[in-house]
Amino acid sequence: RKPMSTAMEIHLLEVFTGRKPTNEQFDGDFSLRQWVAEAFPVAISDVIDSHLLNKSNNTATERSAVINDLLVMIMEIGLSCSRVSPNKRMDMKEVVVKLSRIRQKTRMIEG
């Protein structure tokens, strides 16, 4: 079992939040990972880059429900893989399986 490296997971969080760990809001004990973890899963759309949420052609209600589900799945991977203890991080095989499920769901949505 080989856990993911922290850099990969933090990058995943960066891509979907539009924030870098060096952002001035993250100082001292408050990190990008902690910010996402506090919003997970109920308020996950609050930490997602607004540009990503506005690119769907669906109605606002459809977009909100579908995208929220996908974002929770994606951010769960990022949070799990960026745990402090390497032994508690998700391993690469599990990440691939979860990302494949996310891809399948997005294809079903796209038609």
PDB file of N, CA and C in Angstrom:
ATOM      1  N   ARG A   1       0.860  -1.181   0.000  1.00  0.00           N
ATOM      2  CA  ARG A   1       0.000   0.000   0.000  1.00  0.00           C
ATOM      3  C   ARG A   1       0.894   1.228   0.000  1.00  0.00           C
ATOM      4  N   LYS A   2       0.769   2.015  -1.036  1.00  0.00           N
ATOM      5  CA  LYS A   2       1.593   3.224  -1.132  1.00  0.00           C
ATOM      6  C   LYS A   2       0.685   4.447  -1.090  1.00  0.00           C
ATOM      7  N   PRO A   3       0.772   5.241  -0.010  1.00  0.00           N
ATOM      8  CA  PRO A   3      -0.070   6.440   0.069  1.00  0.00           C
ATOM      9  C   PRO A   3       0.411   7.517  -0.894  1.00  0.00           C
ATOM     10  N   MET A   4      -0.503   8.407  -1.253  1.00  0.00           N
ATOM     11  CA  MET A   4      -0.149   9.516  -2.127  1.00  0.00           C
ATOM     12  C   MET A   4       0.746  10.485  -1.371  1.00  0.00           C
ATOM     13  N   SER A   5       1.520  11.245  -2.136  1.00  0.00           N
ATOM     14  CA  SER A   5       2.346  12.273  -1.512  1.00  0.00           C
ATOM     15  C   SER A   5       1.477  13.490  -1.202  1.00  0.00           C
ATOM     16  N   THR A   6       1.811  14.206  -0.173  1.00  0.00           N
ATOM     17  CA  THR A   6       1.016  15.361   0.231  1.00  0.00           C
ATOM     18  C   THR A   6       0.952  16.418  -0.858  1.00  0.00           C
ATOM     19  N   ALA A   7       2.008  16.613  -1.613  1.00  0.00           N
ATOM     20  CA  ALA A   7       2.028  17.643  -2.661  1.00  0.00           C
ATOM     21  C   ALA A   7       0.919  17.417  -3.690  1.00  0.00           C
ATOM     22  N   MET A   8       0.692  16.185  -4.069  1.00  0.00           N
ATOM     23  CA  MET A   8      -0.351  15.861  -5.051  1.00  0.00           C
ATOM     24  C   MET A   8      -1.737  16.242  -4.528  1.00  0.00           C
ATOM     25  N   GLU A   9      -2.015  15.910  -3.295  1.00  0.00           N
ATOM     26  CA  GLU A   9      -3.335  16.180  -2.726  1.00  0.00           C
ATOM     27  C   GLU A   9      -3.559  17.669  -2.529  1.00  0.00           C
ATOM     28  N   ILE A  10      -2.520  18.351  -2.070  1.00  0.00           N
ATOM     29  CA  ILE A  10      -2.648  19.792  -1.888  1.00  0.00           C
ATOM     30  C   ILE A  10      -2.895  20.443  -3.240  1.00  0.00           C
ATOM     31  N   HIS A  11      -2.230  19.943  -4.282  1.00  0.00           N
ATOM     32  CA  HIS A  11      -2.464  20.480  -5.617  1.00  0.00           C
ATOM     33  C   HIS A  11      -3.917  20.252  -6.028  1.00  0.00           C
ATOM     34  N   LEU A  12      -4.480  19.107  -5.710  1.00  0.00           N
ATOM     35  CA  LEU A  12      -5.883  18.817  -6.008  1.00  0.00           C
ATOM     36  C   LEU A  12      -6.783  19.835  -5.320  1.00  0.00           C
ATOM     37  N   LEU A  13      -6.494  20.146  -4.072  1.00  0.00           N
ATOM     38  CA  LEU A  13      -7.278  21.144  -3.351  1.00  0.00           C
ATOM     39  C   LEU A  13      -7.097  22.524  -3.984  1.00  0.00           C
ATOM     40  N   GLU A  14      -5.874  22.850  -4.413  1.00  0.00           N
ATOM     41  CA  GLU A  14      -5.600  24.131  -5.072  1.00  0.00           C
ATOM     42  C   GLU A  14      -6.418  24.288  -6.346  1.00  0.00           C
ATOM     43  N   VAL A  15      -6.440  23.245  -7.164  1.00  0.00           N
ATOM     44  CA  VAL A  15      -7.143  23.301  -8.448  1.00  0.00           C
ATOM     45  C   VAL A  15      -8.621  23.613  -8.257  1.00  0.00           C
ATOM     46  N   PHE A  16      -9.240  22.988  -7.285  1.00  0.00           N
ATOM     47  CA  PHE A  16     -10.679  23.146  -7.122  1.00  0.00           C
ATOM     48  C   PHE A  16     -11.083  24.325  -6.249  1.00  0.00           C
ATOM     49  N   THR A  17     -10.164  24.837  -5.446  1.00  0.00           N
ATOM     50  CA  THR A  17     -10.505  25.998  -4.630  1.00  0.00           C
ATOM     51  C   THR A  17     -10.037  27.305  -5.267  1.00  0.00           C
ATOM     52  N   GLY A  18      -9.052  27.217  -6.149  1.00  0.00           N
ATOM     53  CA  GLY A  18      -8.474  28.420  -6.733  1.00  0.00           C
ATOM     54  C   GLY A  18      -7.567  29.155  -5.755  1.00  0.00           C
ATOM     55  N   ARG A  19      -7.211  28.502  -4.675  1.00  0.00           N
ATOM     56  CA  ARG A  19      -6.346  29.105  -3.646  1.00  0.00           C
ATOM     57  C   ARG A  19      -5.061  28.299  -3.525  1.00  0.00           C
ATOM     58  N   LYS A  20      -4.001  28.969  -3.186  1.00  0.00           N
ATOM     59  CA  LYS A  20      -2.717  28.321  -2.945  1.00  0.00           C
ATOM     60  C   LYS A  20      -2.484  28.231  -1.438  1.00  0.00           C
ATOM     61  N   PRO A  21      -1.709  27.245  -0.994  1.00  0.00           N
ATOM     62  CA  PRO A  21      -1.424  27.136   0.436  1.00  0.00           C
ATOM     63  C   PRO A  21      -0.685  28.354   0.973  1.00  0.00           C
ATOM     64  N   THR A  22      -0.084  29.139   0.077  1.00  0.00           N
ATOM     65  CA  THR A  22       0.655  30.332   0.485  1.00  0.00           C
ATOM     66  C   THR A  22      -0.234  31.572   0.547  1.00  0.00           C
ATOM     67  N   ASN A  23      -1.528  31.418   0.254  1.00  0.00           N
ATOM     68  CA  ASN A  23      -2.472  32.530   0.315  1.00  0.00           C
ATOM     69  C   ASN A  23      -2.411  33.147   1.710  1.00  0.00           C
ATOM     70  N   GLU A  24      -2.516  34.476   1.768  1.00  0.00           N
ATOM     71  CA  GLU A  24      -2.380  35.173   3.056  1.00  0.00           C
ATOM     72  C   GLU A  24      -3.418  34.743   4.086  1.00  0.00           C
ATOM     73  N   GLN A  25      -4.539  34.187   3.643  1.00  0.00           N
ATOM     74  CA  GLN A  25      -5.549  33.742   4.602  1.00  0.00           C
ATOM     75  C   GLN A  25      -5.080  32.503   5.374  1.00  0.00           C
ATOM     76  N   PHE A  26      -4.099  31.790   4.826  1.00  0.00           N
ATOM     77  CA  PHE A  26      -3.580  30.585   5.473  1.00  0.00           C
ATOM     78  C   PHE A  26      -2.247  30.915   6.137  1.00  0.00           C
ATOM     79  N   ASP A  27      -2.309  31.154   7.435  1.00  0.00           N
ATOM     80  CA  ASP A  27      -1.084  31.443   8.164  1.00  0.00           C
ATOM     81  C   ASP A  27      -1.125  30.751   9.508  1.00  0.00           C
ATOM     82  N   GLY A  28       0.007  30.515  10.053  1.00  0.00           N
ATOM     83  CA  GLY A  28       0.075  29.855  11.351  1.00  0.00           C
ATOM     84  C   GLY A  28      -0.518  28.461  11.312  1.00  0.00           C
ATOM     85  N   ASP A  29      -1.536  28.235  12.126  1.00  0.00           N
ATOM     86  CA  ASP A  29      -2.146  26.909  12.225  1.00  0.00           C
ATOM     87  C   ASP A  29      -3.285  26.694  11.242  1.00  0.00           C
ATOM     88  N   PHE A  30      -3.693  27.731  10.509  1.00  0.00           N
ATOM     89  CA  PHE A  30      -4.828  27.603   9.597  1.00  0.00           C
ATOM     90  C   PHE A  30      -4.315  27.376   8.175  1.00  0.00           C
ATOM     91  N   SER A  31      -4.629  26.212   7.595  1.00  0.00           N
ATOM     92  CA  SER A  31      -4.094  25.823   6.298  1.00  0.00           C
ATOM     93  C   SER A  31      -5.207  25.671   5.265  1.00  0.00           C
ATOM     94  N   LEU A  32      -4.806  25.539   4.011  1.00  0.00           N
ATOM     95  CA  LEU A  32      -5.743  25.261   2.924  1.00  0.00           C
ATOM     96  C   LEU A  32      -6.527  23.989   3.237  1.00  0.00           C
ATOM     97  N   ARG A  33      -5.826  22.963   3.687  1.00  0.00           N
ATOM     98  CA  ARG A  33      -6.488  21.700   4.008  1.00  0.00           C
ATOM     99  C   ARG A  33      -7.524  21.895   5.114  1.00  0.00           C
ATOM    100  N   GLN A  34      -7.170  22.644   6.134  1.00  0.00           N
ATOM    101  CA  GLN A  34      -8.103  22.876   7.237  1.00  0.00           C
ATOM    102  C   GLN A  34      -9.330  23.651   6.765  1.00  0.00           C
ATOM    103  N   TRP A  35      -9.124  24.641   5.910  1.00  0.00           N
ATOM    104  CA  TRP A  35     -10.225  25.444   5.360  1.00  0.00           C
ATOM    105  C   TRP A  35     -11.214  24.551   4.618  1.00  0.00           C
ATOM    106  N   VAL A  36     -10.694  23.650   3.774  1.00  0.00           N
ATOM    107  CA  VAL A  36     -11.559  22.730   3.024  1.00  0.00           C
ATOM    108  C   VAL A  36     -12.221  21.747   3.979  1.00  0.00           C
ATOM    109  N   ALA A  37     -11.467  21.228   4.929  1.00  0.00           N
ATOM    110  CA  ALA A  37     -12.015  20.248   5.887  1.00  0.00           C
ATOM    111  C   ALA A  37     -13.167  20.832   6.686  1.00  0.00           C
ATOM    112  N   GLU A  38     -13.070  22.105   7.054  1.00  0.00           N
ATOM    113  CA  GLU A  38     -14.143  22.731   7.829  1.00  0.00           C
ATOM    114  C   GLU A  38     -15.420  22.887   7.000  1.00  0.00           C
ATOM    115  N   ALA A  39     -15.286  23.007   5.699  1.00  0.00           N
ATOM    116  CA  ALA A  39     -16.456  23.154   4.830  1.00  0.00           C
ATOM    117  C   ALA A  39     -17.011  21.802   4.385  1.00  0.00           C
ATOM    118  N   PHE A  40     -16.270  20.736   4.582  1.00  0.00           N
ATOM    119  CA  PHE A  40     -16.627  19.408   4.073  1.00  0.00           C
ATOM    120  C   PHE A  40     -17.614  18.706   4.981  1.00  0.00           C
ATOM    121  N   PRO A  41     -18.651  18.037   4.439  1.00  0.00           N
ATOM    122  CA  PRO A  41     -19.139  18.069   3.066  1.00  0.00           C
ATOM    123  C   PRO A  41     -20.285  19.066   2.856  1.00  0.00           C
ATOM    124  N   VAL A  42     -20.862  19.565   3.930  1.00  0.00           N
ATOM    125  CA  VAL A  42     -22.091  20.357   3.854  1.00  0.00           C
ATOM    126  C   VAL A  42     -21.919  21.667   3.078  1.00  0.00           C
ATOM    127  N   ALA A  43     -20.838  22.375   3.318  1.00  0.00           N
ATOM    128  CA  ALA A  43     -20.648  23.690   2.699  1.00  0.00           C
ATOM    129  C   ALA A  43     -19.509  23.682   1.687  1.00  0.00           C
ATOM    130  N   ILE A  44     -19.307  22.545   1.024  1.00  0.00           N
ATOM    131  CA  ILE A  44     -18.163  22.409   0.116  1.00  0.00           C
ATOM    132  C   ILE A  44     -18.205  23.444  -1.016  1.00  0.00           C
ATOM    133  N   SER A  45     -19.387  23.815  -1.470  1.00  0.00           N
ATOM    134  CA  SER A  45     -19.469  24.792  -2.561  1.00  0.00           C
ATOM    135  C   SER A  45     -18.960  26.169  -2.129  1.00  0.00           C
ATOM    136  N   ASP A  46     -18.872  26.411  -0.819  1.00  0.00           N
ATOM    137  CA  ASP A  46     -18.346  27.682  -0.317  1.00  0.00           C
ATOM    138  C   ASP A  46     -16.846  27.833  -0.541  1.00  0.00           C
ATOM    139  N   VAL A  47     -16.139  26.723  -0.699  1.00  0.00           N
ATOM    140  CA  VAL A  47     -14.690  26.790  -0.875  1.00  0.00           C
ATOM    141  C   VAL A  47     -14.248  26.495  -2.309  1.00  0.00           C
ATOM    142  N   ILE A  48     -15.189  26.148  -3.165  1.00  0.00           N
ATOM    143  CA  ILE A  48     -14.860  25.847  -4.550  1.00  0.00           C
ATOM    144  C   ILE A  48     -14.751  27.137  -5.344  1.00  0.00           C
ATOM    145  N   ASP A  49     -13.780  27.186  -6.241  1.00  0.00           N
ATOM    146  CA  ASP A  49     -13.584  28.345  -7.110  1.00  0.00           C
ATOM    147  C   ASP A  49     -14.888  28.634  -7.852  1.00  0.00           C
ATOM    148  N   SER A  50     -15.403  29.834  -7.715  1.00  0.00           N
ATOM    149  CA  SER A  50     -16.695  30.188  -8.313  1.00  0.00           C
ATOM    150  C   SER A  50     -16.692  30.057  -9.827  1.00  0.00           C
ATOM    151  N   HIS A  51     -15.546  30.187 -10.463  1.00  0.00           N
ATOM    152  CA  HIS A  51     -15.469  30.019 -11.917  1.00  0.00           C
ATOM    153  C   HIS A  51     -15.826  28.591 -12.328  1.00  0.00           C
ATOM    154  N   LEU A  52     -15.485  27.628 -11.508  1.00  0.00           N
ATOM    155  CA  LEU A  52     -15.816  26.237 -11.814  1.00  0.00           C
ATOM    156  C   LEU A  52     -17.312  25.982 -11.680  1.00  0.00           C
ATOM    157  N   LEU A  53     -17.947  26.650 -10.746  1.00  0.00           N
ATOM    158  CA  LEU A  53     -19.369  26.423 -10.507  1.00  0.00           C
ATOM    159  C   LEU A  53     -20.252  27.082 -11.561  1.00  0.00           C
ATOM    160  N   ASN A  54     -19.749  28.048 -12.290  1.00  0.00           N
ATOM    161  CA  ASN A  54     -20.564  28.794 -13.242  1.00  0.00           C
ATOM    162  C   ASN A  54     -20.430  28.329 -14.685  1.00  0.00           C
ATOM    163  N   LYS A  55     -19.759  27.205 -14.940  1.00  0.00           N
ATOM    164  CA  LYS A  55     -19.511  26.783 -16.313  1.00  0.00           C
ATOM    165  C   LYS A  55     -20.494  25.743 -16.836  1.00  0.00           C
ATOM    166  N   SER A  56     -21.502  25.408 -16.093  1.00  0.00           N
ATOM    167  CA  SER A  56     -22.463  24.392 -16.524  1.00  0.00           C
ATOM    168  C   SER A  56     -23.620  25.021 -17.300  1.00  0.00           C
ATOM    169  N   ASN A  57     -24.181  24.262 -18.237  1.00  0.00           N
ATOM    170  CA  ASN A  57     -25.330  24.734 -19.006  1.00  0.00           C
ATOM    171  C   ASN A  57     -26.661  24.359 -18.350  1.00  0.00           C
ATOM    172  N   ASN A  58     -26.622  23.615 -17.279  1.00  0.00           N
ATOM    173  CA  ASN A  58     -27.846  23.189 -16.599  1.00  0.00           C
ATOM    174  C   ASN A  58     -28.445  24.343 -15.798  1.00  0.00           C
ATOM    175  N   THR A  59     -29.668  24.139 -15.317  1.00  0.00           N
ATOM    176  CA  THR A  59     -30.280  25.148 -14.461  1.00  0.00           C
ATOM    177  C   THR A  59     -29.501  25.228 -13.150  1.00  0.00           C
ATOM    178  N   ALA A  60     -29.691  26.296 -12.431  1.00  0.00           N
ATOM    179  CA  ALA A  60     -28.958  26.503 -11.182  1.00  0.00           C
ATOM    180  C   ALA A  60     -29.195  25.371 -10.192  1.00  0.00           C
ATOM    181  N   THR A  61     -30.431  24.892 -10.090  1.00  0.00           N
ATOM    182  CA  THR A  61     -30.746  23.819  -9.135  1.00  0.00           C
ATOM    183  C   THR A  61     -30.082  22.517  -9.542  1.00  0.00           C
ATOM    184  N   GLU A  62     -30.173  22.168 -10.832  1.00  0.00           N
ATOM    185  CA  GLU A  62     -29.527  20.942 -11.316  1.00  0.00           C
ATOM    186  C   GLU A  62     -28.022  21.028 -11.128  1.00  0.00           C
ATOM    187  N   ARG A  63     -27.469  22.164 -11.523  1.00  0.00           N
ATOM    188  CA  ARG A  63     -26.023  22.367 -11.428  1.00  0.00           C
ATOM    189  C   ARG A  63     -25.571  22.247  -9.983  1.00  0.00           C
ATOM    190  N   SER A  64     -26.293  22.871  -9.095  1.00  0.00           N
ATOM    191  CA  SER A  64     -25.922  22.865  -7.688  1.00  0.00           C
ATOM    192  C   SER A  64     -25.886  21.450  -7.126  1.00  0.00           C
ATOM    193  N   ALA A  65     -26.912  20.678  -7.369  1.00  0.00           N
ATOM    194  CA  ALA A  65     -26.995  19.325  -6.814  1.00  0.00           C
ATOM    195  C   ALA A  65     -25.933  18.401  -7.403  1.00  0.00           C
ATOM    196  N   VAL A  66     -25.804  18.413  -8.707  1.00  0.00           N
ATOM    197  CA  VAL A  66     -24.870  17.505  -9.375  1.00  0.00           C
ATOM    198  C   VAL A  66     -23.433  17.886  -9.075  1.00  0.00           C
ATOM    199  N   ILE A  67     -23.128  19.145  -9.234  1.00  0.00           N
ATOM    200  CA  ILE A  67     -21.754  19.592  -9.007  1.00  0.00           C
ATOM    201  C   ILE A  67     -21.376  19.420  -7.547  1.00  0.00           C
ATOM    202  N   ASN A  68     -22.273  19.696  -6.643  1.00  0.00           N
ATOM    203  CA  ASN A  68     -21.959  19.522  -5.226  1.00  0.00           C
ATOM    204  C   ASN A  68     -21.582  18.076  -4.926  1.00  0.00           C
ATOM    205  N   ASP A  69     -22.340  17.121  -5.453  1.00  0.00           N
ATOM    206  CA  ASP A  69     -22.015  15.708  -5.234  1.00  0.00           C
ATOM    207  C   ASP A  69     -20.624  15.360  -5.762  1.00  0.00           C
ATOM    208  N   LEU A  70     -20.323  15.829  -6.982  1.00  0.00           N
ATOM    209  CA  LEU A  70     -19.018  15.547  -7.572  1.00  0.00           C
ATOM    210  C   LEU A  70     -17.894  16.219  -6.793  1.00  0.00           C
ATOM    211  N   LEU A  71     -18.130  17.447  -6.374  1.00  0.00           N
ATOM    212  CA  LEU A  71     -17.097  18.166  -5.635  1.00  0.00           C
ATOM    213  C   LEU A  71     -16.833  17.535  -4.274  1.00  0.00           C
ATOM    214  N   VAL A  72     -17.865  17.045  -3.627  1.00  0.00           N
ATOM    215  CA  VAL A  72     -17.673  16.357  -2.348  1.00  0.00           C
ATOM    216  C   VAL A  72     -16.785  15.132  -2.570  1.00  0.00           C
ATOM    217  N   MET A  73     -17.046  14.387  -3.636  1.00  0.00           N
ATOM    218  CA  MET A  73     -16.238  13.202  -3.928  1.00  0.00           C
ATOM    219  C   MET A  73     -14.778  13.578  -4.191  1.00  0.00           C
ATOM    220  N   ILE A  74     -14.565  14.629  -4.965  1.00  0.00           N
ATOM    221  CA  ILE A  74     -13.212  15.067  -5.307  1.00  0.00           C
ATOM    222  C   ILE A  74     -12.475  15.581  -4.072  1.00  0.00           C
ATOM    223  N   MET A  75     -13.135  16.427  -3.310  1.00  0.00           N
ATOM    224  CA  MET A  75     -12.483  16.996  -2.138  1.00  0.00           C
ATOM    225  C   MET A  75     -12.242  15.947  -1.060  1.00  0.00           C
ATOM    226  N   GLU A  76     -13.091  14.926  -1.018  1.00  0.00           N
ATOM    227  CA  GLU A  76     -12.861  13.822  -0.082  1.00  0.00           C
ATOM    228  C   GLU A  76     -11.518  13.153  -0.390  1.00  0.00           C
ATOM    229  N   ILE A  77     -11.221  12.997  -1.671  1.00  0.00           N
ATOM    230  CA  ILE A  77      -9.932  12.420  -2.062  1.00  0.00           C
ATOM    231  C   ILE A  77      -8.795  13.333  -1.600  1.00  0.00           C
ATOM    232  N   GLY A  78      -8.927  14.620  -1.890  1.00  0.00           N
ATOM    233  CA  GLY A  78      -7.883  15.560  -1.501  1.00  0.00           C
ATOM    234  C   GLY A  78      -7.658  15.593  -0.005  1.00  0.00           C
ATOM    235  N   LEU A  79      -8.734  15.589   0.761  1.00  0.00           N
ATOM    236  CA  LEU A  79      -8.609  15.621   2.220  1.00  0.00           C
ATOM    237  C   LEU A  79      -8.028  14.323   2.764  1.00  0.00           C
ATOM    238  N   SER A  80      -8.498  13.216   2.241  1.00  0.00           N
ATOM    239  CA  SER A  80      -8.019  11.928   2.718  1.00  0.00           C
ATOM    240  C   SER A  80      -6.533  11.746   2.436  1.00  0.00           C
ATOM    241  N   CYS A  81      -6.128  12.189   1.261  1.00  0.00           N
ATOM    242  CA  CYS A  81      -4.739  11.992   0.854  1.00  0.00           C
ATOM    243  C   CYS A  81      -3.777  13.007   1.450  1.00  0.00           C
ATOM    244  N   SER A  82      -4.293  14.037   2.054  1.00  0.00           N
ATOM    245  CA  SER A  82      -3.405  15.052   2.628  1.00  0.00           C
ATOM    246  C   SER A  82      -3.364  14.982   4.153  1.00  0.00           C
ATOM    247  N   ARG A  83      -3.804  13.884   4.701  1.00  0.00           N
ATOM    248  CA  ARG A  83      -3.721  13.707   6.150  1.00  0.00           C
ATOM    249  C   ARG A  83      -2.265  13.766   6.596  1.00  0.00           C
ATOM    250  N   VAL A  84      -2.047  14.215   7.792  1.00  0.00           N
ATOM    251  CA  VAL A  84      -0.691  14.374   8.310  1.00  0.00           C
ATOM    252  C   VAL A  84       0.047  13.041   8.340  1.00  0.00           C
ATOM    253  N   SER A  85      -0.617  12.010   8.810  1.00  0.00           N
ATOM    254  CA  SER A  85       0.018  10.695   8.900  1.00  0.00           C
ATOM    255  C   SER A  85      -0.043   9.981   7.552  1.00  0.00           C
ATOM    256  N   PRO A  86       1.103   9.662   6.965  1.00  0.00           N
ATOM    257  CA  PRO A  86       1.107   8.956   5.675  1.00  0.00           C
ATOM    258  C   PRO A  86       0.337   7.637   5.711  1.00  0.00           C
ATOM    259  N   ASN A  87       0.320   6.972   6.849  1.00  0.00           N
ATOM    260  CA  ASN A  87      -0.380   5.695   6.963  1.00  0.00           C
ATOM    261  C   ASN A  87      -1.895   5.842   6.894  1.00  0.00           C
ATOM    262  N   LYS A  88      -2.400   7.054   7.149  1.00  0.00           N
ATOM    263  CA  LYS A  88      -3.843   7.281   7.111  1.00  0.00           C
ATOM    264  C   LYS A  88      -4.303   7.844   5.766  1.00  0.00           C
ATOM    265  N   ARG A  89      -3.363   8.090   4.856  1.00  0.00           N
ATOM    266  CA  ARG A  89      -3.708   8.631   3.541  1.00  0.00           C
ATOM    267  C   ARG A  89      -4.245   7.533   2.636  1.00  0.00           C
ATOM    268  N   MET A  90      -5.098   7.935   1.727  1.00  0.00           N
ATOM    269  CA  MET A  90      -5.656   7.026   0.735  1.00  0.00           C
ATOM    270  C   MET A  90      -4.524   6.542  -0.177  1.00  0.00           C
ATOM    271  N   ASP A  91      -4.547   5.261  -0.529  1.00  0.00           N
ATOM    272  CA  ASP A  91      -3.500   4.774  -1.423  1.00  0.00           C
ATOM    273  C   ASP A  91      -3.881   5.040  -2.885  1.00  0.00           C
ATOM    274  N   MET A  92      -2.897   4.969  -3.750  1.00  0.00           N
ATOM    275  CA  MET A  92      -3.071   5.331  -5.159  1.00  0.00           C
ATOM    276  C   MET A  92      -4.135   4.487  -5.866  1.00  0.00           C
ATOM    277  N   LYS A  93      -4.202   3.209  -5.567  1.00  0.00           N
ATOM    278  CA  LYS A  93      -5.198   2.345  -6.214  1.00  0.00           C
ATOM    279  C   LYS A  93      -6.606   2.817  -5.892  1.00  0.00           C
ATOM    280  N   GLU A  94      -6.830   3.163  -4.648  1.00  0.00           N
ATOM    281  CA  GLU A  94      -8.142   3.647  -4.228  1.00  0.00           C
ATOM    282  C   GLU A  94      -8.457   4.994  -4.883  1.00  0.00           C
ATOM    283  N   VAL A  95      -7.445   5.842  -5.013  1.00  0.00           N
ATOM    284  CA  VAL A  95      -7.632   7.133  -5.674  1.00  0.00           C
ATOM    285  C   VAL A  95      -8.066   6.926  -7.119  1.00  0.00           C
ATOM    286  N   VAL A  96      -7.405   6.022  -7.812  1.00  0.00           N
ATOM    287  CA  VAL A  96      -7.738   5.748  -9.214  1.00  0.00           C
ATOM    288  C   VAL A  96      -9.168   5.243  -9.332  1.00  0.00           C
ATOM    289  N   VAL A  97      -9.584   4.356  -8.454  1.00  0.00           N
ATOM    290  CA  VAL A  97     -10.954   3.828  -8.476  1.00  0.00           C
ATOM    291  C   VAL A  97     -11.960   4.961  -8.259  1.00  0.00           C
ATOM    292  N   LYS A  98     -11.693   5.798  -7.269  1.00  0.00           N
ATOM    293  CA  LYS A  98     -12.622   6.901  -6.978  1.00  0.00           C
ATOM    294  C   LYS A  98     -12.673   7.910  -8.119  1.00  0.00           C
ATOM    295  N   LEU A  99     -11.524   8.238  -8.703  1.00  0.00           N
ATOM    296  CA  LEU A  99     -11.512   9.175  -9.826  1.00  0.00           C
ATOM    297  C   LEU A  99     -12.225   8.577 -11.046  1.00  0.00           C
ATOM    298  N   SER A 100     -12.117   7.287 -11.249  1.00  0.00           N
ATOM    299  CA  SER A 100     -12.840   6.626 -12.338  1.00  0.00           C
ATOM    300  C   SER A 100     -14.345   6.722 -12.135  1.00  0.00           C
ATOM    301  N   ARG A 101     -14.794   6.565 -10.900  1.00  0.00           N
ATOM    302  CA  ARG A 101     -16.229   6.710 -10.599  1.00  0.00           C
ATOM    303  C   ARG A 101     -16.694   8.136 -10.871  1.00  0.00           C
ATOM    304  N   ILE A 102     -15.857   9.105 -10.508  1.00  0.00           N
ATOM    305  CA  ILE A 102     -16.199  10.505 -10.755  1.00  0.00           C
ATOM    306  C   ILE A 102     -16.301  10.747 -12.258  1.00  0.00           C
ATOM    307  N   ARG A 103     -15.364  10.207 -13.023  1.00  0.00           N
ATOM    308  CA  ARG A 103     -15.395  10.375 -14.475  1.00  0.00           C
ATOM    309  C   ARG A 103     -16.668   9.746 -15.054  1.00  0.00           C
ATOM    310  N   GLN A 104     -17.038   8.567 -14.582  1.00  0.00           N
ATOM    311  CA  GLN A 104     -18.262   7.918 -15.063  1.00  0.00           C
ATOM    312  C   GLN A 104     -19.482   8.792 -14.786  1.00  0.00           C
ATOM    313  N   LYS A 105     -19.544   9.366 -13.598  1.00  0.00           N
ATOM    314  CA  LYS A 105     -20.683  10.227 -13.250  1.00  0.00           C
ATOM    315  C   LYS A 105     -20.728  11.462 -14.134  1.00  0.00           C
ATOM    316  N   THR A 106     -19.572  12.059 -14.409  1.00  0.00           N
ATOM    317  CA  THR A 106     -19.569  13.253 -15.256  1.00  0.00           C
ATOM    318  C   THR A 106     -19.987  12.907 -16.681  1.00  0.00           C
ATOM    319  N   ARG A 107     -19.614  11.733 -17.155  1.00  0.00           N
ATOM    320  CA  ARG A 107     -20.037  11.316 -18.507  1.00  0.00           C
ATOM    321  C   ARG A 107     -21.527  11.085 -18.571  1.00  0.00           C
ATOM    322  N   MET A 108     -22.099  10.538 -17.503  1.00  0.00           N
ATOM    323  CA  MET A 108     -23.554  10.324 -17.473  1.00  0.00           C
ATOM    324  C   MET A 108     -24.274  11.669 -17.486  1.00  0.00           C
ATOM    325  N   ILE A 109     -23.724  12.644 -16.795  1.00  0.00           N
ATOM    326  CA  ILE A 109     -24.333  13.966 -16.725  1.00  0.00           C
ATOM    327  C   ILE A 109     -24.270  14.668 -18.076  1.00  0.00           C
ATOM    328  N   GLU A 110     -23.100  14.526 -18.735  1.00  0.00           N
ATOM    329  CA  GLU A 110     -22.904  15.187 -20.031  1.00  0.00           C
ATOM    330  C   GLU A 110     -23.751  14.558 -21.115  1.00  0.00           C
ATOM    331  N   GLY A 111     -24.163  13.316 -20.911  1.00  0.00           N
ATOM    332  CA  GLY A 111     -24.995  12.643 -21.916  1.00  0.00           C
ATOM    333  C   GLY A 111     -24.161  11.837 -22.760  1.00  0.00           C
TER     334      GLY A 111
END
